[in-house]
N, C-alpha and C. Protein backbone atom coordinates (compact mmCIF):
# COMPACT_ATOMS: atom_id res chain seq x y z
N MET A 1 111.50 65.60 96.90
CA MET A 1 111.50 65.60 95.45
C MET A 1 112.96 65.75 94.97
N ASN A 2 113.38 64.86 94.07
CA ASN A 2 114.76 64.81 93.53
C ASN A 2 114.80 65.48 92.23
N LEU A 3 116.02 65.55 91.64
CA LEU A 3 116.25 66.21 90.36
C LEU A 3 115.51 65.49 89.23
N TYR A 4 115.38 64.19 89.36
CA TYR A 4 114.68 63.44 88.34
C TYR A 4 113.21 63.85 88.27
N ASP A 5 112.56 63.97 89.44
CA ASP A 5 111.19 64.36 89.52
C ASP A 5 111.01 65.81 88.98
N LEU A 6 111.99 66.69 89.19
CA LEU A 6 111.88 68.09 88.78
C LEU A 6 112.08 68.28 87.29
N PHE A 7 113.17 67.61 86.75
CA PHE A 7 113.63 67.96 85.39
C PHE A 7 113.52 66.86 84.36
N VAL A 8 113.16 65.59 84.72
CA VAL A 8 113.04 64.53 83.80
C VAL A 8 111.67 63.96 83.73
N LYS A 9 111.07 63.70 84.87
CA LYS A 9 109.71 63.06 84.90
C LYS A 9 108.63 63.86 84.16
N PRO A 10 108.64 65.21 84.33
CA PRO A 10 107.61 66.03 83.67
C PRO A 10 107.66 65.88 82.13
N TYR A 11 108.80 65.46 81.60
CA TYR A 11 108.93 65.35 80.18
C TYR A 11 108.68 63.94 79.56
N GLU A 12 108.31 63.03 80.40
CA GLU A 12 108.02 61.66 79.98
C GLU A 12 106.88 61.57 78.98
N ASN A 13 105.89 62.44 79.15
CA ASN A 13 104.80 62.41 78.23
C ASN A 13 104.87 63.51 77.14
N TYR A 14 106.02 64.18 77.06
CA TYR A 14 106.10 65.17 76.02
C TYR A 14 106.57 64.54 74.71
N THR A 15 106.20 65.16 73.63
CA THR A 15 106.71 64.69 72.33
C THR A 15 108.08 65.36 72.09
N ALA A 16 108.86 64.76 71.13
CA ALA A 16 110.12 65.31 70.83
C ALA A 16 110.06 66.70 70.38
N LEU A 17 108.98 67.04 69.64
CA LEU A 17 108.80 68.39 69.12
C LEU A 17 108.59 69.39 70.27
N GLN A 18 107.80 68.99 71.29
CA GLN A 18 107.55 69.87 72.43
C GLN A 18 108.86 70.17 73.19
N ILE A 19 109.66 69.19 73.40
CA ILE A 19 110.93 69.36 74.06
C ILE A 19 111.89 70.23 73.27
N LEU A 20 111.92 70.00 71.93
CA LEU A 20 112.76 70.78 71.05
C LEU A 20 112.35 72.24 71.07
N LEU A 21 111.06 72.49 71.07
CA LEU A 21 110.50 73.86 71.08
C LEU A 21 110.92 74.58 72.39
N GLU A 22 110.77 73.95 73.50
CA GLU A 22 111.13 74.56 74.74
C GLU A 22 112.59 74.85 74.84
N ALA A 23 113.44 73.84 74.43
CA ALA A 23 114.85 74.03 74.40
C ALA A 23 115.29 75.23 73.49
N SER A 24 114.59 75.27 72.30
CA SER A 24 114.93 76.34 71.34
C SER A 24 114.50 77.73 71.92
N GLY A 25 113.37 77.76 72.54
CA GLY A 25 112.90 79.05 73.13
C GLY A 25 113.91 79.52 74.26
N ALA A 26 114.37 78.56 75.02
CA ALA A 26 115.31 78.84 76.08
C ALA A 26 116.62 79.36 75.50
N PHE A 27 117.07 78.70 74.44
CA PHE A 27 118.35 79.04 73.82
C PHE A 27 118.33 80.47 73.28
N PHE A 28 117.28 80.78 72.47
CA PHE A 28 117.21 82.11 71.88
C PHE A 28 116.94 83.16 72.91
N GLY A 29 116.23 82.81 74.01
CA GLY A 29 115.95 83.72 75.07
C GLY A 29 117.23 84.08 75.81
N THR A 30 118.07 83.11 76.06
CA THR A 30 119.37 83.37 76.69
C THR A 30 120.24 84.18 75.90
N LEU A 31 120.25 83.86 74.53
CA LEU A 31 121.08 84.65 73.60
C LEU A 31 120.62 86.09 73.57
N SER A 32 119.29 86.32 73.68
CA SER A 32 118.77 87.66 73.64
C SER A 32 119.26 88.44 74.89
N VAL A 33 119.27 87.79 76.02
CA VAL A 33 119.71 88.46 77.25
C VAL A 33 121.20 88.82 77.14
N TYR A 34 121.97 87.91 76.61
CA TYR A 34 123.39 88.14 76.39
C TYR A 34 123.61 89.43 75.51
N PHE A 35 122.87 89.54 74.42
CA PHE A 35 123.01 90.75 73.51
C PHE A 35 122.57 91.95 74.26
N SER A 36 121.54 91.80 75.18
CA SER A 36 121.08 92.99 75.96
C SER A 36 122.15 93.47 76.89
N ILE A 37 122.85 92.53 77.56
CA ILE A 37 123.95 92.92 78.42
C ILE A 37 124.99 93.76 77.65
N LYS A 38 125.23 93.31 76.46
CA LYS A 38 126.23 93.96 75.58
C LYS A 38 125.70 95.26 74.89
N LYS A 39 124.46 95.61 75.21
CA LYS A 39 123.75 96.76 74.61
C LYS A 39 123.81 96.61 73.11
N ASN A 40 123.57 95.41 72.63
CA ASN A 40 123.67 95.11 71.20
C ASN A 40 122.26 94.91 70.63
N ILE A 41 121.93 95.53 69.51
CA ILE A 41 120.65 95.53 68.97
C ILE A 41 120.06 94.11 68.61
N TRP A 42 121.00 93.14 68.52
CA TRP A 42 120.59 91.79 68.21
C TRP A 42 119.79 91.17 69.33
N VAL A 43 119.66 91.96 70.48
CA VAL A 43 118.76 91.50 71.52
C VAL A 43 117.35 91.28 70.97
N TYR A 44 116.98 92.09 69.99
CA TYR A 44 115.58 92.05 69.53
C TYR A 44 115.26 90.93 68.58
N PRO A 45 115.99 90.70 67.50
CA PRO A 45 115.63 89.58 66.60
C PRO A 45 115.69 88.23 67.27
N THR A 46 116.75 88.06 68.16
CA THR A 46 116.81 86.76 68.86
C THR A 46 115.68 86.65 69.89
N GLY A 47 115.34 87.74 70.53
CA GLY A 47 114.22 87.75 71.49
C GLY A 47 112.89 87.49 70.82
N ILE A 48 112.67 87.99 69.64
CA ILE A 48 111.40 87.73 68.92
C ILE A 48 111.21 86.26 68.65
N ILE A 49 112.22 85.62 68.24
CA ILE A 49 112.17 84.17 67.98
C ILE A 49 111.78 83.41 69.27
N SER A 50 112.41 83.80 70.37
CA SER A 50 112.10 83.18 71.65
C SER A 50 110.68 83.44 72.10
N THR A 51 110.24 84.66 72.04
CA THR A 51 108.88 84.99 72.53
C THR A 51 107.78 84.28 71.70
N LEU A 52 108.02 84.23 70.40
CA LEU A 52 107.00 83.57 69.56
C LEU A 52 106.87 82.07 69.89
N ILE A 53 108.02 81.41 70.18
CA ILE A 53 107.93 80.05 70.57
C ILE A 53 107.21 79.91 71.92
N TYR A 54 107.50 80.80 72.86
CA TYR A 54 106.84 80.71 74.16
C TYR A 54 105.39 81.12 74.19
N VAL A 55 105.01 81.89 73.21
CA VAL A 55 103.57 82.19 73.10
C VAL A 55 102.81 80.85 72.88
N TYR A 56 103.34 80.03 71.99
CA TYR A 56 102.72 78.73 71.74
C TYR A 56 102.80 77.82 72.94
N ILE A 57 103.99 77.68 73.55
CA ILE A 57 104.19 76.80 74.75
C ILE A 57 103.30 77.22 75.90
N LEU A 58 103.34 78.44 76.32
CA LEU A 58 102.62 78.94 77.47
C LEU A 58 101.11 78.89 77.33
N PHE A 59 100.65 79.11 76.15
CA PHE A 59 99.25 79.05 75.86
C PHE A 59 98.73 77.59 76.09
N ASN A 60 99.52 76.63 75.60
CA ASN A 60 99.15 75.23 75.79
C ASN A 60 99.24 74.79 77.24
N PHE A 61 100.09 75.49 78.06
CA PHE A 61 100.18 75.12 79.49
C PHE A 61 99.22 75.91 80.36
N GLY A 62 98.42 76.80 79.79
CA GLY A 62 97.44 77.51 80.52
C GLY A 62 97.96 78.71 81.30
N LEU A 63 99.24 79.08 81.04
CA LEU A 63 99.81 80.29 81.67
C LEU A 63 99.53 81.50 80.80
N LEU A 64 98.25 81.93 80.95
CA LEU A 64 97.79 83.00 80.06
C LEU A 64 98.54 84.37 80.25
N GLY A 65 98.88 84.62 81.52
CA GLY A 65 99.56 85.85 81.76
C GLY A 65 100.91 85.91 81.06
N ASP A 66 101.68 84.84 81.20
CA ASP A 66 103.01 84.75 80.55
C ASP A 66 102.78 84.66 79.09
N CYS A 67 101.80 84.05 78.60
CA CYS A 67 101.50 83.97 77.15
C CYS A 67 101.26 85.37 76.60
N LEU A 68 100.44 86.14 77.31
CA LEU A 68 100.15 87.50 76.90
C LEU A 68 101.41 88.38 76.92
N ILE A 69 102.26 88.16 77.95
CA ILE A 69 103.45 89.00 78.05
C ILE A 69 104.41 88.71 76.89
N ASN A 70 104.41 87.49 76.43
CA ASN A 70 105.29 87.16 75.32
C ASN A 70 104.70 87.71 73.99
N VAL A 71 103.40 87.85 73.87
CA VAL A 71 102.80 88.57 72.75
C VAL A 71 103.25 90.04 72.84
N TYR A 72 103.15 90.62 74.07
CA TYR A 72 103.62 91.96 74.29
C TYR A 72 105.09 92.14 74.03
N TYR A 73 105.90 91.15 74.42
CA TYR A 73 107.35 91.16 74.17
C TYR A 73 107.66 91.27 72.68
N THR A 74 106.84 90.49 71.88
CA THR A 74 107.06 90.54 70.42
C THR A 74 106.82 91.97 69.88
N ILE A 75 105.71 92.50 70.35
CA ILE A 75 105.33 93.85 69.86
C ILE A 75 106.40 94.87 70.35
N MET A 76 106.76 94.79 71.66
CA MET A 76 107.70 95.72 72.17
C MET A 76 109.09 95.53 71.59
N SER A 77 109.42 94.30 71.18
CA SER A 77 110.70 94.02 70.51
C SER A 77 110.85 94.77 69.19
N VAL A 78 109.71 94.79 68.46
CA VAL A 78 109.72 95.56 67.23
C VAL A 78 109.86 97.07 67.48
N TYR A 79 109.18 97.53 68.50
CA TYR A 79 109.28 98.93 68.93
C TYR A 79 110.64 99.27 69.40
N GLY A 80 111.20 98.38 70.29
CA GLY A 80 112.56 98.61 70.82
C GLY A 80 113.63 98.53 69.70
N TRP A 81 113.39 97.60 68.72
CA TRP A 81 114.33 97.48 67.65
C TRP A 81 114.45 98.82 66.83
N ILE A 82 113.26 99.41 66.59
CA ILE A 82 113.21 100.70 65.87
C ILE A 82 113.85 101.78 66.71
N LEU A 83 113.51 101.82 67.99
CA LEU A 83 114.01 102.87 68.91
C LEU A 83 115.54 102.73 69.05
N TRP A 84 116.06 101.51 69.22
CA TRP A 84 117.50 101.37 69.38
C TRP A 84 118.25 101.77 68.08
N SER A 85 117.60 101.42 66.92
CA SER A 85 118.19 101.79 65.61
C SER A 85 118.35 103.32 65.51
N LYS A 86 117.37 104.03 66.01
CA LYS A 86 117.41 105.51 65.87
C LYS A 86 118.40 106.10 66.79
N ASN A 87 118.58 105.45 68.03
CA ASN A 87 119.47 106.01 69.04
C ASN A 87 120.87 105.51 69.03
N SER A 88 121.19 104.68 68.05
CA SER A 88 122.46 104.03 67.93
C SER A 88 123.37 104.73 66.92
N SER A 89 124.58 105.13 67.27
CA SER A 89 125.48 105.75 66.33
C SER A 89 126.02 104.77 65.30
N ASP A 90 126.18 103.53 65.70
CA ASP A 90 126.68 102.53 64.76
C ASP A 90 125.65 101.49 64.35
N HIS A 91 124.38 101.74 64.71
CA HIS A 91 123.26 100.85 64.37
C HIS A 91 123.32 99.49 65.07
N ILE A 92 124.17 99.39 66.04
CA ILE A 92 124.30 98.16 66.78
C ILE A 92 124.23 98.35 68.32
N HIS A 93 125.02 99.36 68.84
CA HIS A 93 125.04 99.57 70.25
C HIS A 93 124.37 100.92 70.64
N VAL A 94 123.94 100.97 71.92
CA VAL A 94 123.19 102.17 72.37
C VAL A 94 123.77 102.64 73.67
N ASP A 95 123.53 103.92 74.04
CA ASP A 95 123.92 104.50 75.30
C ASP A 95 122.77 104.27 76.29
N VAL A 96 123.05 104.17 77.54
CA VAL A 96 121.98 103.95 78.60
C VAL A 96 122.05 105.04 79.60
N THR A 97 120.88 105.22 80.32
CA THR A 97 120.76 106.22 81.36
C THR A 97 119.80 105.70 82.44
N TRP A 98 119.70 106.45 83.52
CA TRP A 98 118.71 106.14 84.58
C TRP A 98 117.37 106.72 84.13
N ALA A 99 116.34 106.12 84.69
CA ALA A 99 114.95 106.59 84.38
C ALA A 99 114.62 107.90 85.07
N THR A 100 113.83 108.70 84.51
CA THR A 100 113.39 109.96 85.14
C THR A 100 112.19 109.72 86.00
N LYS A 101 111.82 110.72 86.86
CA LYS A 101 110.67 110.58 87.70
C LYS A 101 109.40 110.43 86.90
N LYS A 102 109.29 111.10 85.82
CA LYS A 102 108.18 111.00 84.94
C LYS A 102 107.99 109.58 84.33
N GLU A 103 109.15 108.99 83.97
CA GLU A 103 109.11 107.60 83.49
C GLU A 103 108.77 106.61 84.53
N TRP A 104 109.19 106.82 85.81
CA TRP A 104 108.75 106.00 86.91
C TRP A 104 107.25 106.09 87.13
N PHE A 105 106.71 107.26 86.94
CA PHE A 105 105.24 107.48 87.09
C PHE A 105 104.52 106.62 86.06
N TYR A 106 105.00 106.68 84.81
CA TYR A 106 104.38 105.88 83.72
C TYR A 106 104.53 104.42 83.95
N ALA A 107 105.65 104.06 84.53
CA ALA A 107 105.92 102.60 84.85
C ALA A 107 104.95 102.14 85.91
N GLY A 108 104.62 102.94 86.90
CA GLY A 108 103.65 102.60 87.93
C GLY A 108 102.26 102.39 87.38
N ILE A 109 101.90 103.29 86.44
CA ILE A 109 100.58 103.15 85.84
C ILE A 109 100.53 101.82 84.99
N LEU A 110 101.61 101.59 84.23
CA LEU A 110 101.70 100.34 83.46
C LEU A 110 101.61 99.13 84.29
N PHE A 111 102.19 99.13 85.48
CA PHE A 111 102.19 97.99 86.38
C PHE A 111 100.71 97.75 86.88
N ILE A 112 100.07 98.79 87.31
CA ILE A 112 98.73 98.68 87.85
C ILE A 112 97.76 98.21 86.74
N LEU A 113 97.80 98.80 85.57
CA LEU A 113 96.94 98.39 84.45
C LEU A 113 97.19 96.93 84.08
N SER A 114 98.38 96.52 84.12
CA SER A 114 98.75 95.13 83.80
C SER A 114 98.14 94.22 84.81
N LEU A 115 98.28 94.51 86.11
CA LEU A 115 97.63 93.68 87.12
C LEU A 115 96.16 93.53 86.90
N ALA A 116 95.49 94.61 86.59
CA ALA A 116 94.03 94.59 86.37
C ALA A 116 93.65 93.78 85.14
N PHE A 117 94.41 93.99 84.08
CA PHE A 117 94.11 93.34 82.78
C PHE A 117 94.32 91.82 82.93
N VAL A 118 95.45 91.36 83.43
CA VAL A 118 95.73 89.97 83.48
C VAL A 118 94.78 89.20 84.48
N THR A 119 94.47 89.91 85.55
CA THR A 119 93.49 89.36 86.51
C THR A 119 92.14 89.15 85.82
N LEU A 120 91.76 90.13 84.96
CA LEU A 120 90.48 89.98 84.20
C LEU A 120 90.54 88.78 83.26
N ILE A 121 91.70 88.61 82.62
CA ILE A 121 91.83 87.47 81.72
C ILE A 121 91.67 86.13 82.48
N TYR A 122 92.25 86.09 83.69
CA TYR A 122 92.12 84.86 84.43
C TYR A 122 90.68 84.69 84.98
N TYR A 123 89.96 85.78 85.19
CA TYR A 123 88.58 85.72 85.63
C TYR A 123 87.70 85.01 84.57
N TYR A 124 88.03 85.26 83.30
CA TYR A 124 87.28 84.63 82.19
C TYR A 124 87.92 83.36 81.69
N LYS A 125 89.00 82.87 82.37
CA LYS A 125 89.72 81.72 81.92
C LYS A 125 88.88 80.52 81.67
N PRO A 126 87.87 80.14 82.54
CA PRO A 126 87.09 78.94 82.28
C PRO A 126 86.38 79.06 80.91
N TYR A 127 85.93 80.27 80.61
CA TYR A 127 85.22 80.43 79.34
C TYR A 127 86.19 80.35 78.17
N ILE A 128 87.37 80.96 78.34
CA ILE A 128 88.46 80.89 77.35
C ILE A 128 88.83 79.49 77.03
N ASP A 129 88.87 78.64 78.11
CA ASP A 129 89.30 77.22 77.95
C ASP A 129 88.10 76.36 77.46
N ASN A 130 86.98 76.99 77.16
CA ASN A 130 85.79 76.31 76.66
C ASN A 130 85.27 75.23 77.63
N ALA A 131 85.41 75.54 78.88
CA ALA A 131 84.89 74.59 79.92
C ALA A 131 83.34 74.58 79.92
N GLU A 132 82.82 73.37 80.04
CA GLU A 132 81.35 73.28 80.07
C GLU A 132 80.81 73.83 81.35
N ASN A 133 79.68 74.56 81.26
CA ASN A 133 79.03 75.17 82.44
C ASN A 133 80.04 75.97 83.21
N ALA A 134 80.87 76.77 82.55
CA ALA A 134 81.93 77.51 83.21
C ALA A 134 81.36 78.64 84.08
N ASP A 135 81.87 78.73 85.29
CA ASP A 135 81.50 79.79 86.20
C ASP A 135 82.68 80.81 86.20
N PHE A 136 82.36 82.08 85.96
CA PHE A 136 83.43 83.07 85.96
C PHE A 136 83.85 83.30 87.39
N GLY A 137 85.13 83.68 87.55
CA GLY A 137 85.70 83.93 88.86
C GLY A 137 87.13 83.64 88.94
N LEU A 138 87.69 83.80 90.16
CA LEU A 138 89.15 83.57 90.34
C LEU A 138 89.34 82.33 91.22
N TYR A 139 88.28 81.50 91.43
CA TYR A 139 88.39 80.40 92.32
C TYR A 139 89.31 79.33 91.81
N HIS A 140 89.53 79.28 90.47
CA HIS A 140 90.29 78.19 89.92
C HIS A 140 91.84 78.49 89.95
N LEU A 141 92.24 79.68 90.42
CA LEU A 141 93.63 80.03 90.36
C LEU A 141 94.39 79.32 91.49
N ASP A 142 95.57 78.77 91.14
CA ASP A 142 96.52 78.24 92.16
C ASP A 142 97.59 79.29 92.36
N TRP A 143 98.47 78.97 93.22
CA TRP A 143 99.51 80.02 93.59
C TRP A 143 100.41 80.39 92.43
N ALA A 144 100.64 79.45 91.52
CA ALA A 144 101.45 79.72 90.32
C ALA A 144 100.73 80.75 89.41
N ASN A 145 99.35 80.60 89.28
CA ASN A 145 98.62 81.57 88.50
C ASN A 145 98.74 82.99 89.05
N TRP A 146 98.60 83.12 90.39
CA TRP A 146 98.74 84.40 90.99
C TRP A 146 100.12 84.99 90.82
N LEU A 147 101.12 84.17 90.91
CA LEU A 147 102.50 84.63 90.64
C LEU A 147 102.61 85.04 89.16
N ASP A 148 101.97 84.31 88.29
CA ASP A 148 101.95 84.62 86.89
C ASP A 148 101.41 85.99 86.62
N ILE A 149 100.35 86.38 87.33
CA ILE A 149 99.75 87.69 87.17
C ILE A 149 100.75 88.76 87.60
N PHE A 150 101.43 88.54 88.75
CA PHE A 150 102.36 89.49 89.33
C PHE A 150 103.63 89.62 88.48
N THR A 151 104.20 88.48 88.01
CA THR A 151 105.37 88.53 87.21
C THR A 151 105.11 89.21 85.85
N THR A 152 103.94 88.96 85.32
CA THR A 152 103.57 89.59 84.05
C THR A 152 103.68 91.08 84.17
N SER A 153 103.19 91.67 85.25
CA SER A 153 103.26 93.09 85.46
C SER A 153 104.69 93.58 85.60
N ILE A 154 105.47 92.81 86.34
CA ILE A 154 106.89 93.15 86.48
C ILE A 154 107.62 93.16 85.24
N PHE A 155 107.44 92.10 84.40
CA PHE A 155 108.15 92.01 83.13
C PHE A 155 107.71 93.07 82.16
N LEU A 156 106.44 93.42 82.17
CA LEU A 156 106.00 94.47 81.24
C LEU A 156 106.72 95.83 81.51
N VAL A 157 106.87 96.15 82.80
CA VAL A 157 107.65 97.31 83.12
C VAL A 157 109.11 97.22 82.68
N GLY A 158 109.66 96.06 83.01
CA GLY A 158 111.07 95.77 82.62
C GLY A 158 111.32 95.93 81.12
N MET A 159 110.40 95.38 80.34
CA MET A 159 110.51 95.45 78.86
C MET A 159 110.40 96.89 78.41
N TRP A 160 109.51 97.66 78.99
CA TRP A 160 109.36 99.08 78.62
C TRP A 160 110.62 99.89 78.94
N PHE A 161 111.18 99.63 80.15
CA PHE A 161 112.40 100.33 80.54
C PHE A 161 113.56 99.95 79.58
N MET A 162 113.59 98.71 79.18
CA MET A 162 114.68 98.24 78.31
C MET A 162 114.55 98.92 76.93
N ALA A 163 113.37 99.03 76.41
CA ALA A 163 113.19 99.74 75.10
C ALA A 163 113.62 101.19 75.20
N LYS A 164 113.51 101.79 76.44
CA LYS A 164 113.88 103.11 76.68
C LYS A 164 115.41 103.26 76.94
N GLN A 165 116.09 102.14 77.06
CA GLN A 165 117.52 102.09 77.42
C GLN A 165 117.73 102.60 78.84
N ARG A 166 116.87 102.20 79.77
CA ARG A 166 116.98 102.63 81.16
C ARG A 166 117.65 101.49 82.00
N ILE A 167 118.61 101.82 82.82
CA ILE A 167 119.32 100.84 83.63
C ILE A 167 118.34 100.08 84.49
N GLU A 168 117.33 100.72 85.01
CA GLU A 168 116.38 100.07 85.98
C GLU A 168 115.70 98.82 85.40
N ASN A 169 115.68 98.64 84.12
CA ASN A 169 115.03 97.50 83.56
C ASN A 169 115.56 96.17 84.16
N TRP A 170 116.83 96.21 84.48
CA TRP A 170 117.43 94.92 85.04
C TRP A 170 116.90 94.58 86.39
N VAL A 171 116.56 95.56 87.16
CA VAL A 171 115.99 95.32 88.51
C VAL A 171 114.67 94.49 88.39
N PHE A 172 113.86 94.92 87.43
CA PHE A 172 112.60 94.21 87.25
C PHE A 172 112.84 92.76 86.65
N TRP A 173 113.82 92.60 85.78
CA TRP A 173 114.14 91.29 85.27
C TRP A 173 114.58 90.36 86.44
N ILE A 174 115.46 90.86 87.29
CA ILE A 174 115.97 90.09 88.39
C ILE A 174 114.84 89.59 89.32
N ILE A 175 113.98 90.52 89.75
CA ILE A 175 112.84 90.12 90.60
C ILE A 175 111.91 89.12 89.90
N GLY A 176 111.50 89.43 88.68
CA GLY A 176 110.61 88.53 87.95
C GLY A 176 111.24 87.15 87.71
N ASP A 177 112.53 87.09 87.34
CA ASP A 177 113.10 85.88 87.07
C ASP A 177 113.24 84.96 88.27
N LEU A 178 113.55 85.55 89.46
CA LEU A 178 113.62 84.79 90.73
C LEU A 178 112.24 84.16 91.02
N ILE A 179 111.17 84.91 90.82
CA ILE A 179 109.86 84.39 91.11
C ILE A 179 109.44 83.30 90.14
N CYS A 180 109.94 83.38 88.89
CA CYS A 180 109.48 82.43 87.81
C CYS A 180 110.18 81.04 88.02
N ILE A 181 111.30 80.99 88.73
CA ILE A 181 112.00 79.70 88.83
C ILE A 181 111.12 78.61 89.50
N PRO A 182 110.54 78.87 90.74
CA PRO A 182 109.65 77.86 91.34
C PRO A 182 108.38 77.70 90.59
N MET A 183 107.87 78.74 89.93
CA MET A 183 106.61 78.67 89.19
C MET A 183 106.72 77.74 88.01
N MET A 184 107.82 77.83 87.28
CA MET A 184 107.98 76.94 86.14
C MET A 184 108.24 75.47 86.53
N ILE A 185 108.94 75.25 87.61
CA ILE A 185 109.13 73.91 88.14
C ILE A 185 107.77 73.32 88.49
N PHE A 186 106.91 74.12 89.15
CA PHE A 186 105.54 73.67 89.50
C PHE A 186 104.74 73.28 88.28
N LYS A 187 104.95 74.03 87.24
CA LYS A 187 104.17 73.79 85.97
C LYS A 187 104.79 72.69 85.09
N GLY A 188 105.90 72.11 85.56
CA GLY A 188 106.51 71.03 84.78
C GLY A 188 107.40 71.53 83.63
N LEU A 189 107.82 72.75 83.75
CA LEU A 189 108.70 73.28 82.64
C LEU A 189 110.09 73.40 83.26
N GLY A 190 110.80 72.23 83.35
CA GLY A 190 112.07 72.22 84.02
C GLY A 190 113.13 72.97 83.22
N ILE A 191 113.15 72.83 81.88
CA ILE A 191 114.17 73.51 81.10
C ILE A 191 113.98 75.03 81.24
N THR A 192 112.78 75.49 81.26
CA THR A 192 112.49 76.91 81.41
C THR A 192 112.83 77.44 82.79
N SER A 193 112.72 76.61 83.85
CA SER A 193 113.05 77.01 85.15
C SER A 193 114.53 77.26 85.26
N VAL A 194 115.35 76.39 84.60
CA VAL A 194 116.79 76.57 84.57
C VAL A 194 117.14 77.78 83.77
N GLN A 195 116.41 78.05 82.73
CA GLN A 195 116.64 79.26 81.93
C GLN A 195 116.44 80.50 82.81
N TYR A 196 115.44 80.56 83.66
CA TYR A 196 115.19 81.69 84.47
C TYR A 196 116.28 81.87 85.53
N LEU A 197 116.86 80.74 86.02
CA LEU A 197 117.96 80.81 86.93
C LEU A 197 119.20 81.47 86.20
N VAL A 198 119.41 81.03 84.96
CA VAL A 198 120.51 81.64 84.17
C VAL A 198 120.21 83.16 83.92
N PHE A 199 118.92 83.46 83.62
CA PHE A 199 118.47 84.80 83.42
C PHE A 199 118.79 85.68 84.57
N THR A 200 118.53 85.15 85.80
CA THR A 200 118.76 85.92 87.04
C THR A 200 120.25 86.34 87.12
N ILE A 201 121.14 85.37 86.92
CA ILE A 201 122.57 85.64 86.94
C ILE A 201 122.95 86.69 85.88
N MET A 202 122.42 86.47 84.63
CA MET A 202 122.74 87.38 83.55
C MET A 202 122.11 88.78 83.80
N ALA A 203 120.97 88.84 84.42
CA ALA A 203 120.40 90.13 84.72
C ALA A 203 121.23 90.94 85.69
N ILE A 204 121.78 90.20 86.69
CA ILE A 204 122.65 90.92 87.68
C ILE A 204 123.90 91.45 86.90
N LEU A 205 124.48 90.62 86.04
CA LEU A 205 125.63 91.10 85.24
C LEU A 205 125.28 92.25 84.36
N GLY A 206 124.02 92.18 83.82
CA GLY A 206 123.62 93.28 82.90
C GLY A 206 123.47 94.59 83.61
N TYR A 207 122.89 94.48 84.82
CA TYR A 207 122.75 95.70 85.65
C TYR A 207 124.12 96.33 85.95
N LEU A 208 125.07 95.48 86.37
CA LEU A 208 126.39 96.00 86.72
C LEU A 208 127.15 96.56 85.48
N ASN A 209 126.90 95.92 84.28
CA ASN A 209 127.59 96.32 83.07
C ASN A 209 127.03 97.64 82.61
N TRP A 210 125.70 97.82 82.59
CA TRP A 210 125.03 99.02 82.12
C TRP A 210 125.45 100.15 83.06
N LYS A 211 125.43 99.94 84.37
CA LYS A 211 125.78 100.94 85.33
C LYS A 211 127.21 101.40 85.16
N LYS A 212 128.11 100.42 84.91
CA LYS A 212 129.50 100.73 84.71
C LYS A 212 129.72 101.53 83.41
N SER A 213 128.98 101.21 82.38
CA SER A 213 129.18 101.86 81.09
C SER A 213 128.74 103.37 81.20
N LEU A 214 127.66 103.61 82.05
CA LEU A 214 127.15 105.00 82.25
C LEU A 214 128.28 105.82 82.95
N LYS A 215 128.85 105.20 83.97
CA LYS A 215 129.95 105.90 84.76
C LYS A 215 131.08 106.23 83.83
N GLU A 216 131.47 105.29 82.98
CA GLU A 216 132.60 105.51 82.07
C GLU A 216 132.29 106.64 81.04
N LYS A 217 131.04 106.74 80.64
CA LYS A 217 130.64 107.77 79.68
C LYS A 217 130.73 109.14 80.33
N LYS A 218 130.40 109.23 81.66
CA LYS A 218 130.41 110.49 82.36
C LYS A 218 131.86 110.94 82.62
N VAL A 219 132.76 109.98 82.74
CA VAL A 219 134.19 110.37 82.96
C VAL A 219 134.79 110.90 81.71
N GLN A 220 134.37 110.45 80.53
CA GLN A 220 134.93 110.88 79.25
C GLN A 220 134.64 112.41 78.97
C-alpha cells in the first residue's frame, strides 16, 4: 500500500465540506496541544472547537468510543478551563506537579469504568445504528473498534490528569496517540492519522517541558 492509497484515495468520495471539517479539527487540535505544552489556558477554547468537530466526524464514521471521548473532552475542557483559571496567578499559565497515589487510584477506577462503558456501547451498536433485525453482541467489532475502546479509556485518564495539572497526563497521550495512528489509517482518516503522529511528538515535548518546569520551580 502506497501513500496515495493511505492519504488520497480514501478522500475521493468525500465532499469538500467533510475534508474541510477534518482539516479544521486537526488544526485546532494541534493548536490545543501546543498551548498545553506551554501550560497556557488557551488549550481549552481551541480544544473545544476541535472536539466538537470530531464529535460529528467520528459519529459518522462509526467510531463511537472516540465520539464519546470527544463529548467527554468538551465537558472536561469546560471543567479544566475553570480549574486552570482558579489555579493560575496570571489567568493564563499554571504550575504542574506529579500525581499522588490517591489520584492514581482514581485514575485506575476511571480506566476500568471507561472500558466497561464503551464496551457496552459497542454491544448495542447494531441497535444504535438502526440495523434491521439487529443482534446484540460484540461479534461485529473489528480490531480498530477494540483499539477504539482501549484508547478511549487511555485518553479519559489523560484528560483528567491534564485538568489536574499532573505531568503524567502526557504519558497517556503518548500511548494513546501511537495506537491511534494505524487505527485512523484503517478507517480512512488519513489527515487525522498524521495529526496523531504530530500529537505523539508534541506529547513527548510536553512531558519533557512540564517535567523541566517542575524542576526549575523546586530550584527557586
